[in-house]
Amino acid sequence: FKEKYKIGALSKITNSENAHMAFDDCV
């Protein structure tokens, strides 16, 4: 993901309001 999106943190890639909810992170 860091290679493609140039960001390491999953929450910053997705900007999801459900970040740090385990299921949403899997999705």
mmCIF file of all heavy atoms, coordinates in Angstrom:
data_MODEL
# 
_entry.id   MODEL 
# 
loop_
_atom_site.group_PDB 
_atom_site.id 
_atom_site.type_symbol 
_atom_site.label_atom_id 
_atom_site.label_alt_id 
_atom_site.label_comp_id 
_atom_site.label_asym_id 
_atom_site.label_entity_id 
_atom_site.label_seq_id 
_atom_site.pdbx_PDB_ins_code 
_atom_site.Cartn_x 
_atom_site.Cartn_y 
_atom_site.Cartn_z 
_atom_site.occupancy 
_atom_site.B_iso_or_equiv 
_atom_site.pdbx_formal_charge 
_atom_site.auth_seq_id 
_atom_site.auth_comp_id 
_atom_site.auth_asym_id 
_atom_site.auth_atom_id 
_atom_site.pdbx_PDB_model_num 
ATOM 1   N N   . PHE A 1 1  ? 0.823   -1.211 0.000  1.00 0.00 ? 1  PHE A N   1 
ATOM 2   C CA  . PHE A 1 1  ? 0.000   0.000  0.000  1.00 0.00 ? 1  PHE A CA  1 
ATOM 3   C C   . PHE A 1 1  ? 0.860   1.265  0.000  1.00 0.00 ? 1  PHE A C   1 
ATOM 4   O O   . PHE A 1 1  ? 0.503   2.271  -0.620 1.00 0.00 ? 1  PHE A O   1 
ATOM 5   C CB  . PHE A 1 1  ? -0.933  0.002  1.210  1.00 0.00 ? 1  PHE A CB  1 
ATOM 6   C CG  . PHE A 1 1  ? -2.006  -1.049 1.161  1.00 0.00 ? 1  PHE A CG  1 
ATOM 7   C CD1 . PHE A 1 1  ? -2.754  -1.336 2.291  1.00 0.00 ? 1  PHE A CD1 1 
ATOM 8   C CD2 . PHE A 1 1  ? -2.276  -1.757 0.005  1.00 0.00 ? 1  PHE A CD2 1 
ATOM 9   C CE1 . PHE A 1 1  ? -3.756  -2.306 2.263  1.00 0.00 ? 1  PHE A CE1 1 
ATOM 10  C CE2 . PHE A 1 1  ? -3.266  -2.732 -0.039 1.00 0.00 ? 1  PHE A CE2 1 
ATOM 11  C CZ  . PHE A 1 1  ? -4.008  -2.998 1.097  1.00 0.00 ? 1  PHE A CZ  1 
ATOM 12  N N   . LYS A 1 2  ? 1.988   1.190  0.681  1.00 0.00 ? 2  LYS A N   1 
ATOM 13  C CA  . LYS A 1 2  ? 2.866   2.368  0.722  1.00 0.00 ? 2  LYS A CA  1 
ATOM 14  C C   . LYS A 1 2  ? 3.430   2.668  -0.661 1.00 0.00 ? 2  LYS A C   1 
ATOM 15  O O   . LYS A 1 2  ? 3.584   3.826  -1.048 1.00 0.00 ? 2  LYS A O   1 
ATOM 16  C CB  . LYS A 1 2  ? 3.993   2.143  1.726  1.00 0.00 ? 2  LYS A CB  1 
ATOM 17  C CG  . LYS A 1 2  ? 4.700   3.425  2.141  1.00 0.00 ? 2  LYS A CG  1 
ATOM 18  C CD  . LYS A 1 2  ? 5.595   3.184  3.337  1.00 0.00 ? 2  LYS A CD  1 
ATOM 19  C CE  . LYS A 1 2  ? 6.215   4.483  3.816  1.00 0.00 ? 2  LYS A CE  1 
ATOM 20  N NZ  . LYS A 1 2  ? 7.091   4.284  4.996  1.00 0.00 ? 2  LYS A NZ  1 
ATOM 21  N N   . GLU A 1 3  ? 3.714   1.608  -1.418 1.00 0.00 ? 3  GLU A N   1 
ATOM 22  C CA  . GLU A 1 3  ? 4.218   1.792  -2.785 1.00 0.00 ? 3  GLU A CA  1 
ATOM 23  C C   . GLU A 1 3  ? 3.146   2.414  -3.683 1.00 0.00 ? 3  GLU A C   1 
ATOM 24  O O   . GLU A 1 3  ? 3.433   3.325  -4.473 1.00 0.00 ? 3  GLU A O   1 
ATOM 25  C CB  . GLU A 1 3  ? 4.649   0.442  -3.356 1.00 0.00 ? 3  GLU A CB  1 
ATOM 26  C CG  . GLU A 1 3  ? 5.084   0.477  -4.808 1.00 0.00 ? 3  GLU A CG  1 
ATOM 27  C CD  . GLU A 1 3  ? 6.364   1.256  -5.052 1.00 0.00 ? 3  GLU A CD  1 
ATOM 28  O OE1 . GLU A 1 3  ? 7.156   1.461  -4.089 1.00 0.00 ? 3  GLU A OE1 1 
ATOM 29  O OE2 . GLU A 1 3  ? 6.575   1.700  -6.209 1.00 0.00 ? 3  GLU A OE2 1 
ATOM 30  N N   . LYS A 1 4  ? 1.922   1.944  -3.558 1.00 0.00 ? 4  LYS A N   1 
ATOM 31  C CA  . LYS A 1 4  ? 0.851   2.448  -4.437 1.00 0.00 ? 4  LYS A CA  1 
ATOM 32  C C   . LYS A 1 4  ? 0.308   3.793  -3.993 1.00 0.00 ? 4  LYS A C   1 
ATOM 33  O O   . LYS A 1 4  ? 0.113   4.692  -4.812 1.00 0.00 ? 4  LYS A O   1 
ATOM 34  C CB  . LYS A 1 4  ? -0.300  1.439  -4.525 1.00 0.00 ? 4  LYS A CB  1 
ATOM 35  C CG  . LYS A 1 4  ? -1.485  1.952  -5.337 1.00 0.00 ? 4  LYS A CG  1 
ATOM 36  C CD  . LYS A 1 4  ? -2.502  0.907  -5.634 1.00 0.00 ? 4  LYS A CD  1 
ATOM 37  C CE  . LYS A 1 4  ? -3.790  1.490  -6.200 1.00 0.00 ? 4  LYS A CE  1 
ATOM 38  N NZ  . LYS A 1 4  ? -3.570  2.343  -7.379 1.00 0.00 ? 4  LYS A NZ  1 
ATOM 39  N N   . TYR A 1 5  ? 0.048   3.941  -2.695 1.00 0.00 ? 5  TYR A N   1 
ATOM 40  C CA  . TYR A 1 5  ? -0.660  5.135  -2.223 1.00 0.00 ? 5  TYR A CA  1 
ATOM 41  C C   . TYR A 1 5  ? 0.268   6.173  -1.592 1.00 0.00 ? 5  TYR A C   1 
ATOM 42  O O   . TYR A 1 5  ? -0.192  7.265  -1.239 1.00 0.00 ? 5  TYR A O   1 
ATOM 43  C CB  . TYR A 1 5  ? -1.742  4.738  -1.217 1.00 0.00 ? 5  TYR A CB  1 
ATOM 44  C CG  . TYR A 1 5  ? -2.736  3.751  -1.800 1.00 0.00 ? 5  TYR A CG  1 
ATOM 45  C CD1 . TYR A 1 5  ? -2.671  2.402  -1.473 1.00 0.00 ? 5  TYR A CD1 1 
ATOM 46  C CD2 . TYR A 1 5  ? -3.719  4.163  -2.696 1.00 0.00 ? 5  TYR A CD2 1 
ATOM 47  C CE1 . TYR A 1 5  ? -3.567  1.489  -2.009 1.00 0.00 ? 5  TYR A CE1 1 
ATOM 48  C CE2 . TYR A 1 5  ? -4.615  3.261  -3.240 1.00 0.00 ? 5  TYR A CE2 1 
ATOM 49  C CZ  . TYR A 1 5  ? -4.530  1.921  -2.892 1.00 0.00 ? 5  TYR A CZ  1 
ATOM 50  O OH  . TYR A 1 5  ? -5.401  1.025  -3.443 1.00 0.00 ? 5  TYR A OH  1 
ATOM 51  N N   . LYS A 1 6  ? 1.531   5.804  -1.418 1.00 0.00 ? 6  LYS A N   1 
ATOM 52  C CA  . LYS A 1 6  ? 2.544   6.708  -0.855 1.00 0.00 ? 6  LYS A CA  1 
ATOM 53  C C   . LYS A 1 6  ? 2.238   7.111  0.582  1.00 0.00 ? 6  LYS A C   1 
ATOM 54  O O   . LYS A 1 6  ? 2.752   8.114  1.084  1.00 0.00 ? 6  LYS A O   1 
ATOM 55  C CB  . LYS A 1 6  ? 2.710   7.979  -1.721 1.00 0.00 ? 6  LYS A CB  1 
ATOM 56  C CG  . LYS A 1 6  ? 2.880   7.700  -3.198 1.00 0.00 ? 6  LYS A CG  1 
ATOM 57  C CD  . LYS A 1 6  ? 4.014   6.735  -3.496 1.00 0.00 ? 6  LYS A CD  1 
ATOM 58  C CE  . LYS A 1 6  ? 4.140   6.445  -4.980 1.00 0.00 ? 6  LYS A CE  1 
ATOM 59  N NZ  . LYS A 1 6  ? 5.121   5.370  -5.278 1.00 0.00 ? 6  LYS A NZ  1 
ATOM 60  N N   . ILE A 1 7  ? 1.403   6.334  1.242  1.00 0.00 ? 7  ILE A N   1 
ATOM 61  C CA  . ILE A 1 7  ? 1.050   6.558  2.652  1.00 0.00 ? 7  ILE A CA  1 
ATOM 62  C C   . ILE A 1 7  ? 1.066   5.211  3.344  1.00 0.00 ? 7  ILE A C   1 
ATOM 63  O O   . ILE A 1 7  ? 0.626   4.205  2.776  1.00 0.00 ? 7  ILE A O   1 
ATOM 64  C CB  . ILE A 1 7  ? -0.367  7.178  2.791  1.00 0.00 ? 7  ILE A CB  1 
ATOM 65  C CG1 . ILE A 1 7  ? -0.459  8.502  2.025  1.00 0.00 ? 7  ILE A CG1 1 
ATOM 66  C CG2 . ILE A 1 7  ? -0.727  7.394  4.253  1.00 0.00 ? 7  ILE A CG2 1 
ATOM 67  C CD1 . ILE A 1 7  ? -1.861  9.074  1.974  1.00 0.00 ? 7  ILE A CD1 1 
ATOM 68  N N   . GLY A 1 8  ? 1.561   5.182  4.578  1.00 0.00 ? 8  GLY A N   1 
ATOM 69  C CA  . GLY A 1 8  ? 1.627   3.926  5.296  1.00 0.00 ? 8  GLY A CA  1 
ATOM 70  C C   . GLY A 1 8  ? 0.398   3.632  6.137  1.00 0.00 ? 8  GLY A C   1 
ATOM 71  O O   . GLY A 1 8  ? -0.045  2.484  6.223  1.00 0.00 ? 8  GLY A O   1 
ATOM 72  N N   . ALA A 1 9  ? -0.177  4.655  6.756  1.00 0.00 ? 9  ALA A N   1 
ATOM 73  C CA  . ALA A 1 9  ? -1.289  4.446  7.683  1.00 0.00 ? 9  ALA A CA  1 
ATOM 74  C C   . ALA A 1 9  ? -2.567  4.119  6.923  1.00 0.00 ? 9  ALA A C   1 
ATOM 75  O O   . ALA A 1 9  ? -2.999  4.883  6.048  1.00 0.00 ? 9  ALA A O   1 
ATOM 76  C CB  . ALA A 1 9  ? -1.502  5.680  8.550  1.00 0.00 ? 9  ALA A CB  1 
ATOM 77  N N   . LEU A 1 10 ? -3.184  2.990  7.265  1.00 0.00 ? 10 LEU A N   1 
ATOM 78  C CA  . LEU A 1 10 ? -4.408  2.573  6.587  1.00 0.00 ? 10 LEU A CA  1 
ATOM 79  C C   . LEU A 1 10 ? -5.516  3.613  6.739  1.00 0.00 ? 10 LEU A C   1 
ATOM 80  O O   . LEU A 1 10 ? -6.254  3.903  5.795  1.00 0.00 ? 10 LEU A O   1 
ATOM 81  C CB  . LEU A 1 10 ? -4.866  1.225  7.144  1.00 0.00 ? 10 LEU A CB  1 
ATOM 82  C CG  . LEU A 1 10 ? -5.996  0.504  6.403  1.00 0.00 ? 10 LEU A CG  1 
ATOM 83  C CD1 . LEU A 1 10 ? -5.585  0.170  4.978  1.00 0.00 ? 10 LEU A CD1 1 
ATOM 84  C CD2 . LEU A 1 10 ? -6.392  -0.766 7.153  1.00 0.00 ? 10 LEU A CD2 1 
ATOM 85  N N   . SER A 1 11 ? -5.625  4.201  7.925  1.00 0.00 ? 11 SER A N   1 
ATOM 86  C CA  . SER A 1 11 ? -6.687  5.187  8.172  1.00 0.00 ? 11 SER A CA  1 
ATOM 87  C C   . SER A 1 11 ? -6.530  6.415  7.287  1.00 0.00 ? 11 SER A C   1 
ATOM 88  O O   . SER A 1 11 ? -7.522  7.045  6.895  1.00 0.00 ? 11 SER A O   1 
ATOM 89  C CB  . SER A 1 11 ? -6.679  5.604  9.648  1.00 0.00 ? 11 SER A CB  1 
ATOM 90  O OG  . SER A 1 11 ? -5.426  6.165  10.005 1.00 0.00 ? 11 SER A OG  1 
ATOM 91  N N   . LYS A 1 12 ? -5.285  6.763  6.941  1.00 0.00 ? 12 LYS A N   1 
ATOM 92  C CA  . LYS A 1 12 ? -5.049  7.930  6.084  1.00 0.00 ? 12 LYS A CA  1 
ATOM 93  C C   . LYS A 1 12 ? -5.298  7.601  4.617  1.00 0.00 ? 12 LYS A C   1 
ATOM 94  O O   . LYS A 1 12 ? -5.648  8.482  3.827  1.00 0.00 ? 12 LYS A O   1 
ATOM 95  C CB  . LYS A 1 12 ? -3.635  8.461  6.295  1.00 0.00 ? 12 LYS A CB  1 
ATOM 96  C CG  . LYS A 1 12 ? -3.423  9.080  7.667  1.00 0.00 ? 12 LYS A CG  1 
ATOM 97  C CD  . LYS A 1 12 ? -2.028  9.660  7.817  1.00 0.00 ? 12 LYS A CD  1 
ATOM 98  C CE  . LYS A 1 12 ? -1.854  10.303 9.195  1.00 0.00 ? 12 LYS A CE  1 
ATOM 99  N NZ  . LYS A 1 12 ? -0.486  10.862 9.378  1.00 0.00 ? 12 LYS A NZ  1 
ATOM 100 N N   . ILE A 1 13 ? -5.104  6.332  4.242  1.00 0.00 ? 13 ILE A N   1 
ATOM 101 C CA  . ILE A 1 13 ? -5.397  5.931  2.868  1.00 0.00 ? 13 ILE A CA  1 
ATOM 102 C C   . ILE A 1 13 ? -6.902  5.959  2.630  1.00 0.00 ? 13 ILE A C   1 
ATOM 103 O O   . ILE A 1 13 ? -7.386  6.458  1.610  1.00 0.00 ? 13 ILE A O   1 
ATOM 104 C CB  . ILE A 1 13 ? -4.842  4.518  2.573  1.00 0.00 ? 13 ILE A CB  1 
ATOM 105 C CG1 . ILE A 1 13 ? -3.314  4.492  2.702  1.00 0.00 ? 13 ILE A CG1 1 
ATOM 106 C CG2 . ILE A 1 13 ? -5.249  4.062  1.160  1.00 0.00 ? 13 ILE A CG2 1 
ATOM 107 C CD1 . ILE A 1 13 ? -2.716  3.096  2.611  1.00 0.00 ? 13 ILE A CD1 1 
ATOM 108 N N   . THR A 1 14 ? -7.661  5.426  3.577  1.00 0.00 ? 14 THR A N   1 
ATOM 109 C CA  . THR A 1 14 ? -9.102  5.259  3.374  1.00 0.00 ? 14 THR A CA  1 
ATOM 110 C C   . THR A 1 14 ? -9.921  6.478  3.781  1.00 0.00 ? 14 THR A C   1 
ATOM 111 O O   . THR A 1 14 ? -11.000 6.708  3.240  1.00 0.00 ? 14 THR A O   1 
ATOM 112 C CB  . THR A 1 14 ? -9.614  4.057  4.180  1.00 0.00 ? 14 THR A CB  1 
ATOM 113 O OG1 . THR A 1 14 ? -9.432  4.310  5.590  1.00 0.00 ? 14 THR A OG1 1 
ATOM 114 C CG2 . THR A 1 14 ? -8.853  2.787  3.801  1.00 0.00 ? 14 THR A CG2 1 
ATOM 115 N N   . ASN A 1 15 ? -9.430  7.232  4.768  1.00 0.00 ? 15 ASN A N   1 
ATOM 116 C CA  . ASN A 1 15 ? -10.203 8.329  5.348  1.00 0.00 ? 15 ASN A CA  1 
ATOM 117 C C   . ASN A 1 15 ? -11.586 7.871  5.798  1.00 0.00 ? 15 ASN A C   1 
ATOM 118 O O   . ASN A 1 15 ? -12.560 8.625  5.764  1.00 0.00 ? 15 ASN A O   1 
ATOM 119 C CB  . ASN A 1 15 ? -10.348 9.491  4.345  1.00 0.00 ? 15 ASN A CB  1 
ATOM 120 C CG  . ASN A 1 15 ? -9.062  10.252 4.163  1.00 0.00 ? 15 ASN A CG  1 
ATOM 121 O OD1 . ASN A 1 15 ? -8.361  10.540 5.130  1.00 0.00 ? 15 ASN A OD1 1 
ATOM 122 N ND2 . ASN A 1 15 ? -8.719  10.560 2.922  1.00 0.00 ? 15 ASN A ND2 1 
ATOM 123 N N   . SER A 1 16 ? -11.672 6.617  6.207  1.00 0.00 ? 16 SER A N   1 
ATOM 124 C CA  . SER A 1 16 ? -12.964 6.060  6.609  1.00 0.00 ? 16 SER A CA  1 
ATOM 125 C C   . SER A 1 16 ? -13.345 6.564  7.998  1.00 0.00 ? 16 SER A C   1 
ATOM 126 O O   . SER A 1 16 ? -12.512 6.647  8.899  1.00 0.00 ? 16 SER A O   1 
ATOM 127 C CB  . SER A 1 16 ? -12.891 4.526  6.629  1.00 0.00 ? 16 SER A CB  1 
ATOM 128 O OG  . SER A 1 16 ? -14.050 3.971  7.212  1.00 0.00 ? 16 SER A OG  1 
ATOM 129 N N   . GLU A 1 17 ? -14.624 6.866  8.157  1.00 0.00 ? 17 GLU A N   1 
ATOM 130 C CA  . GLU A 1 17 ? -15.105 7.277  9.481  1.00 0.00 ? 17 GLU A CA  1 
ATOM 131 C C   . GLU A 1 17 ? -15.113 6.095  10.449 1.00 0.00 ? 17 GLU A C   1 
ATOM 132 O O   . GLU A 1 17 ? -15.257 6.281  11.652 1.00 0.00 ? 17 GLU A O   1 
ATOM 133 C CB  . GLU A 1 17 ? -16.508 7.866  9.369  1.00 0.00 ? 17 GLU A CB  1 
ATOM 134 C CG  . GLU A 1 17 ? -17.557 6.904  8.858  1.00 0.00 ? 17 GLU A CG  1 
ATOM 135 C CD  . GLU A 1 17 ? -18.929 7.532  8.720  1.00 0.00 ? 17 GLU A CD  1 
ATOM 136 O OE1 . GLU A 1 17 ? -19.014 8.778  8.747  1.00 0.00 ? 17 GLU A OE1 1 
ATOM 137 O OE2 . GLU A 1 17 ? -19.906 6.777  8.587  1.00 0.00 ? 17 GLU A OE2 1 
ATOM 138 N N   . ASN A 1 18 ? -14.963 4.889  9.905  1.00 0.00 ? 18 ASN A N   1 
ATOM 139 C CA  . ASN A 1 18 ? -14.924 3.688  10.746 1.00 0.00 ? 18 ASN A CA  1 
ATOM 140 C C   . ASN A 1 18 ? -13.514 3.158  10.943 1.00 0.00 ? 18 ASN A C   1 
ATOM 141 O O   . ASN A 1 18 ? -13.337 2.010  11.358 1.00 0.00 ? 18 ASN A O   1 
ATOM 142 C CB  . ASN A 1 18 ? -15.795 2.587  10.128 1.00 0.00 ? 18 ASN A CB  1 
ATOM 143 C CG  . ASN A 1 18 ? -17.260 2.949  10.118 1.00 0.00 ? 18 ASN A CG  1 
ATOM 144 O OD1 . ASN A 1 18 ? -17.759 3.562  11.061 1.00 0.00 ? 18 ASN A OD1 1 
ATOM 145 N ND2 . ASN A 1 18 ? -17.953 2.595  9.050  1.00 0.00 ? 18 ASN A ND2 1 
ATOM 146 N N   . ALA A 1 19 ? -12.501 3.958  10.623 1.00 0.00 ? 19 ALA A N   1 
ATOM 147 C CA  . ALA A 1 19 ? -11.122 3.535  10.859 1.00 0.00 ? 19 ALA A CA  1 
ATOM 148 C C   . ALA A 1 19 ? -10.936 3.165  12.325 1.00 0.00 ? 19 ALA A C   1 
ATOM 149 O O   . ALA A 1 19 ? -11.541 3.771  13.214 1.00 0.00 ? 19 ALA A O   1 
ATOM 150 C CB  . ALA A 1 19 ? -10.157 4.646  10.467 1.00 0.00 ? 19 ALA A CB  1 
ATOM 151 N N   . HIS A 1 20 ? -10.101 2.176  12.566 1.00 0.00 ? 20 HIS A N   1 
ATOM 152 C CA  . HIS A 1 20 ? -9.858  1.628  13.907 1.00 0.00 ? 20 HIS A CA  1 
ATOM 153 C C   . HIS A 1 20 ? -11.063 0.838  14.424 1.00 0.00 ? 20 HIS A C   1 
ATOM 154 O O   . HIS A 1 20 ? -11.177 0.603  15.628 1.00 0.00 ? 20 HIS A O   1 
ATOM 155 C CB  . HIS A 1 20 ? -9.437  2.705  14.903 1.00 0.00 ? 20 HIS A CB  1 
ATOM 156 C CG  . HIS A 1 20 ? -8.196  3.437  14.484 1.00 0.00 ? 20 HIS A CG  1 
ATOM 157 N ND1 . HIS A 1 20 ? -6.970  2.814  14.384 1.00 0.00 ? 20 HIS A ND1 1 
ATOM 158 C CD2 . HIS A 1 20 ? -7.993  4.718  14.111 1.00 0.00 ? 20 HIS A CD2 1 
ATOM 159 C CE1 . HIS A 1 20 ? -6.063  3.693  13.974 1.00 0.00 ? 20 HIS A CE1 1 
ATOM 160 N NE2 . HIS A 1 20 ? -6.660  4.859  13.805 1.00 0.00 ? 20 HIS A NE2 1 
ATOM 161 N N   . MET A 1 21 ? -11.933 0.447  13.509 1.00 0.00 ? 21 MET A N   1 
ATOM 162 C CA  . MET A 1 21 ? -12.895 -0.612 13.786 1.00 0.00 ? 21 MET A CA  1 
ATOM 163 C C   . MET A 1 21 ? -12.379 -1.814 13.014 1.00 0.00 ? 21 MET A C   1 
ATOM 164 O O   . MET A 1 21 ? -12.188 -1.749 11.790 1.00 0.00 ? 21 MET A O   1 
ATOM 165 C CB  . MET A 1 21 ? -14.300 -0.214 13.337 1.00 0.00 ? 21 MET A CB  1 
ATOM 166 C CG  . MET A 1 21 ? -14.924 0.863  14.214 1.00 0.00 ? 21 MET A CG  1 
ATOM 167 S SD  . MET A 1 21 ? -16.504 1.508  13.559 1.00 0.00 ? 21 MET A SD  1 
ATOM 168 C CE  . MET A 1 21 ? -17.514 0.039  13.492 1.00 0.00 ? 21 MET A CE  1 
ATOM 169 N N   . ALA A 1 22 ? -12.109 -2.905 13.708 1.00 0.00 ? 22 ALA A N   1 
ATOM 170 C CA  . ALA A 1 22 ? -11.357 -4.012 13.117 1.00 0.00 ? 22 ALA A CA  1 
ATOM 171 C C   . ALA A 1 22 ? -11.996 -4.531 11.832 1.00 0.00 ? 22 ALA A C   1 
ATOM 172 O O   . ALA A 1 22 ? -11.298 -4.818 10.854 1.00 0.00 ? 22 ALA A O   1 
ATOM 173 C CB  . ALA A 1 22 ? -11.198 -5.143 14.139 1.00 0.00 ? 22 ALA A CB  1 
ATOM 174 N N   . PHE A 1 23 ? -13.312 -4.671 11.822 1.00 0.00 ? 23 PHE A N   1 
ATOM 175 C CA  . PHE A 1 23 ? -13.965 -5.212 10.642 1.00 0.00 ? 23 PHE A CA  1 
ATOM 176 C C   . PHE A 1 23 ? -13.818 -4.268 9.450  1.00 0.00 ? 23 PHE A C   1 
ATOM 177 O O   . PHE A 1 23 ? -13.521 -4.706 8.330  1.00 0.00 ? 23 PHE A O   1 
ATOM 178 C CB  . PHE A 1 23 ? -15.446 -5.478 10.925 1.00 0.00 ? 23 PHE A CB  1 
ATOM 179 C CG  . PHE A 1 23 ? -16.161 -6.156 9.788  1.00 0.00 ? 23 PHE A CG  1 
ATOM 180 C CD1 . PHE A 1 23 ? -16.069 -7.526 9.615  1.00 0.00 ? 23 PHE A CD1 1 
ATOM 181 C CD2 . PHE A 1 23 ? -16.916 -5.426 8.890  1.00 0.00 ? 23 PHE A CD2 1 
ATOM 182 C CE1 . PHE A 1 23 ? -16.713 -8.153 8.551  1.00 0.00 ? 23 PHE A CE1 1 
ATOM 183 C CE2 . PHE A 1 23 ? -17.572 -6.045 7.837  1.00 0.00 ? 23 PHE A CE2 1 
ATOM 184 C CZ  . PHE A 1 23 ? -17.466 -7.414 7.666  1.00 0.00 ? 23 PHE A CZ  1 
ATOM 185 N N   . ASP A 1 24 ? -14.026 -2.990 9.669  1.00 0.00 ? 24 ASP A N   1 
ATOM 186 C CA  . ASP A 1 24 ? -13.895 -2.022 8.583  1.00 0.00 ? 24 ASP A CA  1 
ATOM 187 C C   . ASP A 1 24 ? -12.486 -2.025 8.017  1.00 0.00 ? 24 ASP A C   1 
ATOM 188 O O   . ASP A 1 24 ? -12.291 -1.896 6.802  1.00 0.00 ? 24 ASP A O   1 
ATOM 189 C CB  . ASP A 1 24 ? -14.256 -0.623 9.075  1.00 0.00 ? 24 ASP A CB  1 
ATOM 190 C CG  . ASP A 1 24 ? -14.318 0.394  7.945  1.00 0.00 ? 24 ASP A CG  1 
ATOM 191 O OD1 . ASP A 1 24 ? -15.279 0.341  7.163  1.00 0.00 ? 24 ASP A OD1 1 
ATOM 192 O OD2 . ASP A 1 24 ? -13.399 1.213  7.827  1.00 0.00 ? 24 ASP A OD2 1 
ATOM 193 N N   . ASP A 1 25 ? -11.488 -2.185 8.884  1.00 0.00 ? 25 ASP A N   1 
ATOM 194 C CA  . ASP A 1 25 ? -10.105 -2.239 8.405  1.00 0.00 ? 25 ASP A CA  1 
ATOM 195 C C   . ASP A 1 25 ? -9.885  -3.470 7.526  1.00 0.00 ? 25 ASP A C   1 
ATOM 196 O O   . ASP A 1 25 ? -9.154  -3.414 6.533  1.00 0.00 ? 25 ASP A O   1 
ATOM 197 C CB  . ASP A 1 25 ? -9.131  -2.239 9.583  1.00 0.00 ? 25 ASP A CB  1 
ATOM 198 C CG  . ASP A 1 25 ? -9.030  -0.873 10.256 1.00 0.00 ? 25 ASP A CG  1 
ATOM 199 O OD1 . ASP A 1 25 ? -9.522  0.119  9.678  1.00 0.00 ? 25 ASP A OD1 1 
ATOM 200 O OD2 . ASP A 1 25 ? -8.456  -0.790 11.355 1.00 0.00 ? 25 ASP A OD2 1 
ATOM 201 N N   . CYS A 1 26 ? -10.508 -4.594 7.871  1.00 0.00 ? 26 CYS A N   1 
ATOM 202 C CA  . CYS A 1 26 ? -10.400 -5.793 7.036  1.00 0.00 ? 26 CYS A CA  1 
ATOM 203 C C   . CYS A 1 26 ? -11.027 -5.545 5.663  1.00 0.00 ? 26 CYS A C   1 
ATOM 204 O O   . CYS A 1 26 ? -10.457 -5.900 4.628  1.00 0.00 ? 26 CYS A O   1 
ATOM 205 C CB  . CYS A 1 26 ? -11.082 -6.982 7.696  1.00 0.00 ? 26 CYS A CB  1 
ATOM 206 S SG  . CYS A 1 26 ? -10.188 -7.686 9.098  1.00 0.00 ? 26 CYS A SG  1 
ATOM 207 N N   . VAL A 1 27 ? -12.202 -4.943 5.653  1.00 0.00 ? 27 VAL A N   1 
ATOM 208 C CA  . VAL A 1 27 ? -12.879 -4.633 4.392  1.00 0.00 ? 27 VAL A CA  1 
ATOM 209 C C   . VAL A 1 27 ? -12.019 -3.704 3.543  1.00 0.00 ? 27 VAL A C   1 
ATOM 210 O O   . VAL A 1 27 ? -11.860 -3.900 2.327  1.00 0.00 ? 27 VAL A O   1 
ATOM 211 C CB  . VAL A 1 27 ? -14.261 -3.996 4.653  1.00 0.00 ? 27 VAL A CB  1 
ATOM 212 C CG1 . VAL A 1 27 ? -14.900 -3.534 3.342  1.00 0.00 ? 27 VAL A CG1 1 
ATOM 213 C CG2 . VAL A 1 27 ? -15.178 -4.981 5.359  1.00 0.00 ? 27 VAL A CG2 1 
# 
